């Protein structure tokens, strides 16, 4: 909020960066809930994508912490976006297992509210709000990672059924999800970004095969999804057939500009900071300088995220937010590794968190792709001739 400052004969508007008493109370409540969850379910690195618990999701639903910012007429809390940011920041920073509800709360619900029909909203939103349903997102393909316009998974209309064929990859939670929000091609005519549609697919539909992928950290949330003559009701199309590229880009705004892109490894940072303080390493001015840079990074990243959730950032600026925040997370992991030394090479959750860091700058679009978006769409720079 703004406050007036009397300076000489002029009144200058200044920004008050302090939290309100209600926000401070919400943060403390979220901090306690997160600590309790870690006590009961263990701490999870990158809790929004690696910490899966339906039980905890239902507890969050009972608190009204799913769909916090959704309109009340759709069952949401109608709360200020900053409230959700505060809750998300504290739960993720603690390592509480929020993954089973995060995608649906972050993307699927808002997308259905924006583009879905009333009957779709009535069918799918209550399960999300209750913490009962887990959703995955069928975007990337083996030959269409960051370039979604080149995806090949097809949906052909046959009477009142869509028939889907193709392959998706890096589909987090596909092995446990109830629904997949599938991005597919319903027409091959016209430019590549046309003819793309979004269809809700129940993951128990015949013809779907899911193969979990074990990454180098032993996490298994990534999956390959194979679709062979998968029949889906025609009514599961969301929005306008063949015109979903803009819808997908709006989804990515939700995905790239959130607090989850800043504090994924905050718990590891606090652990390493406490160790550095106990060992006296904070007496070293170079270590203090690195800690100061990281603390500044957290504050800059939070301001960028606040602009996103308040919808004060320019269209497409979430690419810059994601780029800064995820590269900050990588710098955090390097600090953790240097601080813990040989201990960081033992196979434990610290090691796992450190070696997971390169993934931050890949998931949701690589940093190179983000920089292309910044250059072309935000700065208006010319494309390099091919």
Protein backbone atom coordinates (compact mmCIF):
# COMPACT_ATOMS: atom_id res chain seq x y z
CA UNK A 1 0.00 0.00 0.00
CA UNK A 2 1.04 3.59 -0.40
CA UNK A 3 1.68 6.16 2.29
CA UNK A 4 2.19 9.89 1.96
CA UNK A 5 5.50 11.48 2.94
CA UNK A 6 5.64 15.21 3.54
CA UNK A 7 8.92 16.55 2.15
CA UNK A 8 9.24 20.33 2.08
CA UNK A 9 6.21 21.60 0.20
CA UNK A 10 5.69 18.41 -1.80
CA UNK A 11 3.89 15.17 -0.94
CA UNK A 12 5.63 12.10 -2.33
CA UNK A 13 3.90 8.72 -2.57
CA UNK A 14 6.08 5.95 -1.19
CA UNK A 15 5.56 2.20 -1.05
CA UNK A 16 5.05 0.54 2.32
CA UNK A 17 6.78 -2.85 2.04
CA UNK A 18 5.67 -4.13 5.45
CA UNK A 19 3.14 -6.92 5.81
CA UNK A 20 -0.20 -6.22 7.45
CA UNK A 21 -0.98 -7.74 10.85
CA UNK A 22 -3.39 -10.18 9.17
CA UNK A 23 -0.71 -11.23 6.71
CA UNK A 24 1.80 -11.72 9.49
CA UNK A 25 -0.72 -13.86 11.37
CA UNK A 26 -1.38 -15.93 8.23
CA UNK A 27 2.36 -16.40 7.69
CA UNK A 28 2.84 -17.62 11.25
CA UNK A 29 -0.10 -20.01 10.90
CA UNK A 30 1.28 -21.36 7.62
CA UNK A 31 4.72 -21.72 9.19
CA UNK A 32 3.28 -23.80 12.03
CA UNK A 33 1.22 -25.93 9.63
CA UNK A 34 4.31 -26.53 7.50
CA UNK A 35 6.44 -27.49 10.50
CA UNK A 36 3.77 -29.91 11.71
CA UNK A 37 3.51 -31.46 8.24
CA UNK A 38 7.27 -32.00 8.11
CA UNK A 39 7.13 -33.62 11.55
CA UNK A 40 4.45 -36.06 10.36
CA UNK A 41 5.32 -36.60 6.68
CA UNK A 42 9.08 -35.80 6.63
CA UNK A 43 10.74 -32.91 4.84
CA UNK A 44 10.70 -32.96 1.05
CA UNK A 45 13.09 -31.15 -1.22
CA UNK A 46 11.14 -29.22 -3.86
CA UNK A 47 7.98 -30.06 -1.98
CA UNK A 48 5.60 -28.71 -4.63
CA UNK A 49 6.77 -31.35 -7.09
CA UNK A 50 8.34 -34.11 -4.97
CA UNK A 51 6.23 -34.10 -1.81
CA UNK A 52 3.08 -36.11 -2.52
CA UNK A 53 0.40 -36.61 0.14
CA UNK A 54 -3.33 -36.77 -0.50
CA UNK A 55 -3.89 -36.75 3.27
CA UNK A 56 -2.15 -33.41 3.67
CA UNK A 57 -3.95 -32.01 0.63
CA UNK A 58 -7.28 -32.76 2.29
CA UNK A 59 -6.08 -31.02 5.44
CA UNK A 60 -5.21 -27.95 3.39
CA UNK A 61 -8.63 -28.11 1.75
CA UNK A 62 -10.29 -28.15 5.17
CA UNK A 63 -8.43 -24.92 5.96
CA UNK A 64 -9.59 -23.32 2.74
CA UNK A 65 -6.02 -23.25 1.44
CA UNK A 66 -6.85 -24.79 -1.94
CA UNK A 67 -8.47 -22.39 -4.36
CA UNK A 68 -7.75 -19.52 -1.97
CA UNK A 69 -7.94 -16.90 -4.71
CA UNK A 70 -10.63 -18.51 -6.86
CA UNK A 71 -13.93 -16.61 -7.07
CA UNK A 72 -16.45 -17.52 -4.38
CA UNK A 73 -19.05 -18.41 -7.01
CA UNK A 74 -16.77 -21.29 -8.08
CA UNK A 75 -16.25 -22.51 -4.52
CA UNK A 76 -13.02 -20.63 -3.96
CA UNK A 77 -12.01 -18.42 -1.08
CA UNK A 78 -12.05 -15.17 -3.03
CA UNK A 79 -8.96 -14.10 -1.10
CA UNK A 80 -6.19 -11.71 -2.05
CA UNK A 81 -3.41 -13.23 -4.21
CA UNK A 82 -0.84 -12.28 -1.58
CA UNK A 83 -2.52 -14.64 0.89
CA UNK A 84 -1.87 -17.59 -1.40
CA UNK A 85 1.70 -16.44 -1.96
CA UNK A 86 2.31 -16.32 1.80
CA UNK A 87 0.86 -19.79 2.40
CA UNK A 88 2.71 -21.29 -0.56
CA UNK A 89 6.01 -19.70 0.44
CA UNK A 90 5.87 -21.03 3.98
CA UNK A 91 4.73 -24.55 3.08
CA UNK A 92 7.29 -24.98 0.30
CA UNK A 93 10.08 -23.41 2.36
CA UNK A 94 9.36 -25.88 5.14
CA UNK A 95 9.31 -28.87 2.77
CA UNK A 96 5.65 -29.77 3.39
CA UNK A 97 4.19 -32.25 0.85
CA UNK A 98 1.81 -30.15 -1.26
CA UNK A 99 2.42 -31.78 -4.65
CA UNK A 100 -0.83 -33.71 -4.94
CA UNK A 101 -2.85 -30.48 -5.10
CA UNK A 102 -0.39 -27.89 -6.40
CA UNK A 103 -0.78 -28.23 -10.19
CA UNK A 104 -4.56 -28.23 -10.01
CA UNK A 105 -4.64 -25.29 -7.61
CA UNK A 106 -2.05 -23.33 -9.60
CA UNK A 107 -3.18 -24.04 -13.16
CA UNK A 108 -6.07 -26.38 -13.82
CA UNK A 109 -8.63 -24.66 -11.61
CA UNK A 110 -7.90 -21.14 -12.90
CA UNK A 111 -7.90 -22.44 -16.48
CA UNK A 112 -11.28 -24.12 -16.06
CA UNK A 113 -12.67 -20.97 -14.45
CA UNK A 114 -11.38 -18.87 -17.35
CA UNK A 115 -12.16 -21.13 -20.31
CA UNK A 116 -14.29 -24.06 -19.14
CA UNK A 117 -18.02 -24.45 -19.53
CA UNK A 118 -20.26 -24.28 -16.48
CA UNK A 119 -20.87 -28.04 -16.54
CA UNK A 120 -17.10 -28.67 -16.60
CA UNK A 121 -16.59 -26.33 -13.68
CA UNK A 122 -19.29 -28.11 -11.71
CA UNK A 123 -17.82 -31.51 -12.56
CA UNK A 124 -14.14 -30.92 -11.86
CA UNK A 125 -13.64 -27.96 -9.51
CA UNK A 126 -15.18 -29.52 -6.35
CA UNK A 127 -12.73 -32.44 -6.41
CA UNK A 128 -9.80 -30.06 -6.71
CA UNK A 129 -11.06 -27.86 -3.89
CA UNK A 130 -11.55 -30.88 -1.62
CA UNK A 131 -8.01 -32.16 -2.25
CA UNK A 132 -9.49 -35.36 -3.66
CA UNK A 133 -8.16 -35.22 -7.23
CA UNK A 134 -4.61 -34.96 -8.54
CA UNK A 135 -3.98 -33.55 -12.01
CA UNK A 136 -1.06 -33.84 -14.40
CA UNK A 137 -0.38 -31.72 -17.46
CA UNK A 138 0.21 -33.35 -20.86
CA UNK A 139 2.37 -30.74 -22.57
CA UNK A 140 5.90 -31.79 -23.52
CA UNK A 141 6.66 -34.51 -26.04
CA UNK A 142 9.92 -36.26 -27.04
CA UNK A 143 10.37 -33.86 -29.98
CA UNK A 144 8.40 -30.92 -28.58
CA UNK A 145 9.76 -29.81 -25.25
CA UNK A 146 9.86 -26.04 -25.00
CA UNK A 147 8.41 -25.67 -28.52
CA UNK A 148 4.82 -26.63 -27.83
CA UNK A 149 3.68 -25.50 -31.27
CA UNK A 150 5.44 -28.53 -32.75
CA UNK A 151 3.59 -31.14 -30.68
CA UNK A 152 2.21 -34.18 -32.55
CA UNK A 153 -0.16 -35.95 -30.13
CA UNK A 154 -3.43 -36.00 -32.05
CA UNK A 155 -7.11 -35.96 -31.17
CA UNK A 156 -9.47 -37.01 -33.93
CA UNK A 157 -13.21 -36.52 -33.55
CA UNK A 158 -15.25 -39.68 -34.05
CA UNK A 159 -18.92 -38.95 -33.37
CA UNK A 160 -19.16 -37.89 -29.74
CA UNK A 161 -15.68 -39.13 -28.87
CA UNK A 162 -12.18 -37.77 -29.27
CA UNK A 163 -9.68 -40.48 -30.22
CA UNK A 164 -6.20 -39.63 -28.92
CA UNK A 165 -2.91 -41.05 -30.13
CA UNK A 166 0.63 -39.99 -29.31
CA UNK A 167 3.22 -39.72 -26.57
CA UNK A 168 3.94 -37.26 -23.77
CA UNK A 169 7.07 -37.04 -21.65
CA UNK A 170 8.14 -35.34 -18.39
CA UNK A 171 4.52 -35.55 -17.26
CA UNK A 172 4.84 -35.14 -13.51
CA UNK A 173 2.49 -37.31 -11.42
CA UNK A 174 1.01 -39.13 -14.41
CA UNK A 175 1.40 -42.40 -12.47
CA UNK A 176 -0.84 -41.20 -9.63
CA UNK A 177 -2.99 -38.53 -11.30
CA UNK A 178 -6.74 -38.82 -11.65
CA UNK A 179 -6.88 -36.51 -14.68
CA UNK A 180 -4.54 -35.22 -17.33
CA UNK A 181 -5.03 -31.80 -18.87
CA UNK A 182 -3.94 -32.84 -22.35
CA UNK A 183 -2.56 -30.43 -24.94
CA UNK A 184 -3.03 -32.04 -28.34
CA UNK A 185 -3.45 -31.34 -32.03
CA UNK A 186 -6.96 -31.48 -33.45
CA UNK A 187 -5.97 -30.06 -36.85
CA UNK A 188 -2.78 -30.04 -38.93
CA UNK A 189 -3.95 -27.19 -41.14
CA UNK A 190 -2.52 -23.68 -40.91
CA UNK A 191 0.46 -22.37 -38.90
CA UNK A 192 1.95 -24.68 -36.21
CA UNK A 193 0.43 -22.78 -33.28
CA UNK A 194 -3.07 -23.25 -34.71
CA UNK A 195 -5.04 -26.46 -34.50
CA UNK A 196 -4.07 -27.07 -30.86
CA UNK A 197 -6.76 -27.97 -28.33
CA UNK A 198 -7.00 -28.78 -24.62
CA UNK A 199 -8.90 -31.89 -23.56
CA UNK A 200 -9.45 -33.36 -20.09
CA UNK A 201 -8.52 -37.04 -20.00
CA UNK A 202 -9.33 -39.41 -17.15
CA UNK A 203 -6.13 -41.35 -16.46
CA UNK A 204 -7.98 -44.66 -16.03
CA UNK A 205 -9.18 -44.55 -19.65
CA UNK A 206 -8.25 -47.67 -21.66
CA UNK A 207 -5.34 -47.15 -24.04
CA UNK A 208 -3.19 -45.09 -21.65
CA UNK A 209 0.17 -46.51 -20.58
CA UNK A 210 2.27 -44.65 -18.01
CA UNK A 211 5.97 -45.36 -17.51
CA UNK A 212 7.61 -43.57 -14.56
CA UNK A 213 11.08 -42.13 -15.22
CA UNK A 214 13.66 -42.38 -12.44
CA UNK A 215 15.92 -39.34 -12.60
CA UNK A 216 19.46 -39.03 -11.25
CA UNK A 217 18.12 -38.00 -7.83
CA UNK A 218 15.95 -41.17 -7.66
CA UNK A 219 12.75 -39.10 -7.89
CA UNK A 220 10.04 -40.74 -9.97
CA UNK A 221 7.46 -38.03 -10.52
CA UNK A 222 8.45 -37.61 -14.18
CA UNK A 223 6.65 -40.02 -16.48
CA UNK A 224 6.20 -40.99 -20.09
CA UNK A 225 2.59 -41.30 -21.20
CA UNK A 226 1.63 -43.34 -24.26
CA UNK A 227 -1.83 -42.95 -25.79
CA UNK A 228 -3.19 -45.51 -28.24
CA UNK A 229 -6.76 -45.01 -29.49
CA UNK A 230 -7.79 -43.39 -26.21
CA UNK A 231 -11.50 -42.48 -26.37
CA UNK A 232 -12.53 -39.34 -24.49
CA UNK A 233 -15.97 -37.70 -24.45
CA UNK A 234 -16.33 -34.80 -26.87
CA UNK A 235 -17.61 -32.72 -23.95
CA UNK A 236 -14.14 -32.80 -22.36
CA UNK A 237 -12.80 -30.20 -24.79
CA UNK A 238 -11.95 -27.02 -22.86
CA UNK A 239 -12.37 -23.71 -24.65
CA UNK A 240 -12.35 -23.33 -28.42
CA UNK A 241 -11.31 -26.25 -30.60
CA UNK A 242 -8.06 -25.54 -32.41
CA UNK A 243 -7.52 -22.23 -30.66
CA UNK A 244 -5.99 -23.32 -27.37
CA UNK A 245 -2.46 -22.06 -27.91
CA UNK A 246 -3.38 -18.79 -26.17
CA UNK A 247 -4.97 -20.76 -23.34
CA UNK A 248 -1.80 -22.79 -22.95
CA UNK A 249 0.34 -19.64 -22.90
CA UNK A 250 -1.89 -18.28 -20.13
CA UNK A 251 -1.36 -21.52 -18.21
CA UNK A 252 2.38 -21.04 -18.50
CA UNK A 253 2.05 -17.57 -16.99
CA UNK A 254 0.60 -19.27 -13.88
CA UNK A 255 3.32 -21.94 -13.99
CA UNK A 256 6.38 -19.75 -14.48
CA UNK A 257 5.71 -16.79 -12.24
CA UNK A 258 4.82 -18.36 -8.90
CA UNK A 259 6.53 -18.55 -5.53
CA UNK A 260 7.35 -22.22 -6.17
CA UNK A 261 10.03 -21.04 -8.62
CA UNK A 262 11.89 -19.18 -5.87
CA UNK A 263 11.83 -21.18 -2.63
CA UNK A 264 12.05 -24.82 -3.80
CA UNK A 265 15.29 -25.35 -1.86
CA UNK A 266 14.80 -22.73 0.85
CA UNK A 267 14.85 -25.44 3.54
CA UNK A 268 18.30 -26.59 2.38
CA UNK A 269 19.51 -22.99 2.38
CA UNK A 270 18.42 -22.50 5.99
CA UNK A 271 20.12 -25.76 6.98
CA UNK A 272 23.40 -24.66 5.34
CA UNK A 273 23.13 -21.14 6.78
CA UNK A 274 22.68 -22.52 10.29
CA UNK A 275 25.70 -24.78 9.77
CA UNK A 276 27.82 -21.87 8.53
CA UNK A 277 26.79 -19.81 11.55
CA UNK A 278 27.55 -22.65 13.98
CA UNK A 279 30.94 -23.33 12.39
CA UNK A 280 31.93 -19.69 12.51
CA UNK A 281 32.21 -19.41 8.74
CA UNK A 282 30.04 -16.31 8.76
CA UNK A 283 33.09 -14.56 10.22
CA UNK A 284 34.62 -14.87 6.74
CA UNK A 285 33.73 -11.69 4.81
CA UNK A 286 33.54 -13.62 1.52
CA UNK A 287 30.97 -16.03 2.98
CA UNK A 288 29.02 -13.12 4.43
CA UNK A 289 29.08 -11.47 1.02
CA UNK A 290 27.69 -14.61 -0.63
CA UNK A 291 24.95 -14.90 2.01
CA UNK A 292 24.08 -11.24 1.52
CA UNK A 293 23.79 -11.79 -2.24
CA UNK A 294 21.47 -14.77 -1.70
CA UNK A 295 19.32 -12.85 0.78
CA UNK A 296 19.03 -10.02 -1.72
CA UNK A 297 18.16 -12.57 -4.40
CA UNK A 298 15.28 -13.90 -2.31
CA UNK A 299 13.91 -10.40 -1.84
CA UNK A 300 14.24 -9.45 -5.51
CA UNK A 301 12.65 -12.74 -6.52
CA UNK A 302 9.76 -12.22 -4.13
CA UNK A 303 9.11 -8.77 -5.56
CA UNK A 304 9.05 -10.23 -9.07
CA UNK A 305 6.61 -12.94 -7.97
CA UNK A 306 4.41 -10.39 -6.20
CA UNK A 307 4.18 -8.44 -9.45
CA UNK A 308 3.08 -11.62 -11.22
CA UNK A 309 0.42 -12.62 -8.71
CA UNK A 310 -0.88 -9.05 -8.56
CA UNK A 311 -1.00 -9.02 -12.39
CA UNK A 312 1.14 -5.90 -12.44
CA UNK A 313 3.82 -7.40 -14.68
CA UNK A 314 3.73 -7.00 -18.47
CA UNK A 315 2.36 -9.91 -20.50
CA UNK A 316 5.05 -12.54 -20.89
CA UNK A 317 7.20 -11.17 -18.07
CA UNK A 318 6.83 -14.44 -16.18
CA UNK A 319 9.70 -15.66 -18.41
CA UNK A 320 11.98 -13.12 -16.72
CA UNK A 321 10.62 -14.00 -13.29
CA UNK A 322 11.21 -17.71 -13.81
CA UNK A 323 14.67 -17.13 -15.27
CA UNK A 324 15.82 -15.03 -12.31
CA UNK A 325 14.21 -17.17 -9.61
CA UNK A 326 15.30 -20.60 -10.84
CA UNK A 327 18.88 -19.43 -11.47
CA UNK A 328 18.83 -18.05 -7.93
CA UNK A 329 17.81 -21.51 -6.70
CA UNK A 330 20.80 -22.97 -8.54
CA UNK A 331 23.09 -20.46 -6.79
CA UNK A 332 21.54 -21.53 -3.49
CA UNK A 333 22.42 -25.16 -4.20
CA UNK A 334 26.03 -24.16 -4.92
CA UNK A 335 26.19 -22.38 -1.56
CA UNK A 336 24.79 -25.47 0.16
CA UNK A 337 27.38 -27.70 -1.53
CA UNK A 338 30.30 -25.42 -0.60
CA UNK A 339 29.11 -24.99 2.97
CA UNK A 340 28.59 -28.68 3.67
CA UNK A 341 31.63 -29.83 1.74
CA UNK A 342 32.17 -33.59 1.76
CA UNK A 343 28.90 -34.11 3.61
CA UNK A 344 27.07 -32.92 0.48
CA UNK A 345 28.56 -35.85 -1.46
CA UNK A 346 27.02 -38.46 0.83
CA UNK A 347 23.80 -39.95 -0.48
CA UNK A 348 21.11 -38.27 1.58
CA UNK A 349 18.42 -35.65 1.13
CA UNK A 350 21.06 -32.91 1.02
CA UNK A 351 22.85 -34.58 -1.87
CA UNK A 352 19.54 -35.13 -3.58
CA UNK A 353 18.61 -31.47 -3.24
CA UNK A 354 21.98 -30.27 -4.52
CA UNK A 355 22.04 -32.40 -7.66
CA UNK A 356 18.40 -31.60 -8.42
CA UNK A 357 19.29 -27.94 -8.97
CA UNK A 358 19.87 -28.02 -12.76
CA UNK A 359 16.25 -29.11 -13.14
CA UNK A 360 15.00 -25.76 -11.84
CA UNK A 361 16.20 -24.01 -14.97
CA UNK A 362 14.71 -26.67 -17.25
CA UNK A 363 11.23 -27.40 -15.89
CA UNK A 364 8.58 -25.11 -17.33
CA UNK A 365 10.92 -23.89 -20.08
CA UNK A 366 14.71 -23.69 -20.13
CA UNK A 367 16.55 -20.48 -19.25
CA UNK A 368 17.68 -20.16 -22.87
CA UNK A 369 14.08 -20.30 -24.05
CA UNK A 370 13.09 -17.81 -21.35
CA UNK A 371 15.78 -15.42 -22.59
CA UNK A 372 14.49 -15.77 -26.15
CA UNK A 373 11.01 -14.87 -24.93
CA UNK A 374 12.37 -11.87 -23.05
CA UNK A 375 14.29 -10.68 -26.09
CA UNK A 376 11.61 -11.23 -28.71
CA UNK A 377 8.34 -10.60 -26.88
CA UNK A 378 9.30 -8.15 -24.16
CA UNK A 379 12.16 -6.20 -25.72
CA UNK A 380 11.08 -6.53 -29.34
CA UNK A 381 14.52 -7.63 -30.52
CA UNK A 382 14.73 -9.10 -34.02
CA UNK A 383 15.02 -12.85 -34.47
CA UNK A 384 18.36 -14.12 -35.65
CA UNK A 385 18.16 -14.99 -39.38
CA UNK A 386 18.21 -18.72 -40.08
